[in-house]
């Protein structure tokens, strides 16, 4: 039985992380492949570097680690 507290929250994924685990945690939360989320993040960073960098750093600081 899954704990709905874990399923309905977004966490940093420390097991599949490359940098801080934000993309891996987002991939798990949205049910996507990790590489897809990382690719989307890189593409978004190339289009809007400052807002994406700020959002990523804030997520890395504020999201709890799973």
Protein backbone atom coordinates (compact mmCIF):
# COMPACT_ATOMS: atom_id res chain seq x y z
CA UNK A 1 0.00 0.00 0.00
CA UNK A 2 1.42 3.34 -1.04
CA UNK A 3 1.49 6.25 1.31
CA UNK A 4 -0.53 9.03 -0.35
CA UNK A 5 1.56 11.60 1.45
CA UNK A 6 4.57 10.51 -0.63
CA UNK A 7 2.62 10.19 -3.88
CA UNK A 8 1.01 13.64 -3.78
CA UNK A 9 4.11 15.60 -2.86
CA UNK A 10 7.08 16.58 -4.96
CA UNK A 11 10.52 15.78 -3.60
CA UNK A 12 14.12 15.96 -4.72
CA UNK A 13 15.16 12.44 -5.70
CA UNK A 14 18.56 11.78 -4.16
CA UNK A 15 18.89 8.31 -5.73
CA UNK A 16 18.61 9.41 -9.39
CA UNK A 17 20.10 12.88 -9.07
CA UNK A 18 22.74 14.37 -11.35
CA UNK A 19 23.01 17.83 -9.81
CA UNK A 20 20.58 18.30 -6.94
CA UNK A 21 17.72 15.90 -7.71
CA UNK A 22 15.13 18.48 -8.78
CA UNK A 23 14.60 17.09 -12.29
CA UNK A 24 14.55 13.50 -11.04
CA UNK A 25 11.97 14.42 -8.42
CA UNK A 26 9.83 16.24 -10.99
CA UNK A 27 10.06 13.25 -13.32
CA UNK A 28 8.88 10.91 -10.57
CA UNK A 29 6.04 13.25 -9.59
CA UNK A 30 4.75 13.67 -13.15
CA UNK A 31 5.39 10.05 -14.17
CA UNK A 32 7.90 10.92 -16.88
CA UNK A 33 11.33 9.64 -17.82
CA UNK A 34 14.11 11.51 -16.05
CA UNK A 35 15.98 12.29 -19.27
CA UNK A 36 12.89 13.95 -20.74
CA UNK A 37 12.55 16.32 -17.79
CA UNK A 38 16.26 17.10 -17.93
CA UNK A 39 16.04 17.82 -21.65
CA UNK A 40 13.03 20.11 -21.14
CA UNK A 41 14.90 21.91 -18.36
CA UNK A 42 17.97 22.45 -20.55
CA UNK A 43 15.84 23.71 -23.44
CA UNK A 44 13.94 26.06 -21.14
CA UNK A 45 17.24 27.30 -19.69
CA UNK A 46 18.51 28.12 -23.19
CA UNK A 47 15.35 30.14 -23.92
CA UNK A 48 14.93 31.88 -20.55
CA UNK A 49 18.15 31.42 -18.56
CA UNK A 50 17.52 33.77 -15.63
CA UNK A 51 13.97 32.66 -14.65
CA UNK A 52 14.81 28.97 -15.08
CA UNK A 53 18.01 29.31 -13.06
CA UNK A 54 16.16 31.13 -10.27
CA UNK A 55 13.36 28.54 -10.26
CA UNK A 56 15.85 25.65 -10.22
CA UNK A 57 17.89 27.09 -7.35
CA UNK A 58 14.74 27.86 -5.37
CA UNK A 59 13.46 24.31 -5.95
CA UNK A 60 16.82 22.87 -4.90
CA UNK A 61 16.67 24.85 -1.67
CA UNK A 62 12.97 24.52 -0.84
CA UNK A 63 12.03 20.99 -1.91
CA UNK A 64 12.48 18.30 0.72
CA UNK A 65 14.74 15.34 -0.08
CA UNK A 66 13.08 11.98 -0.50
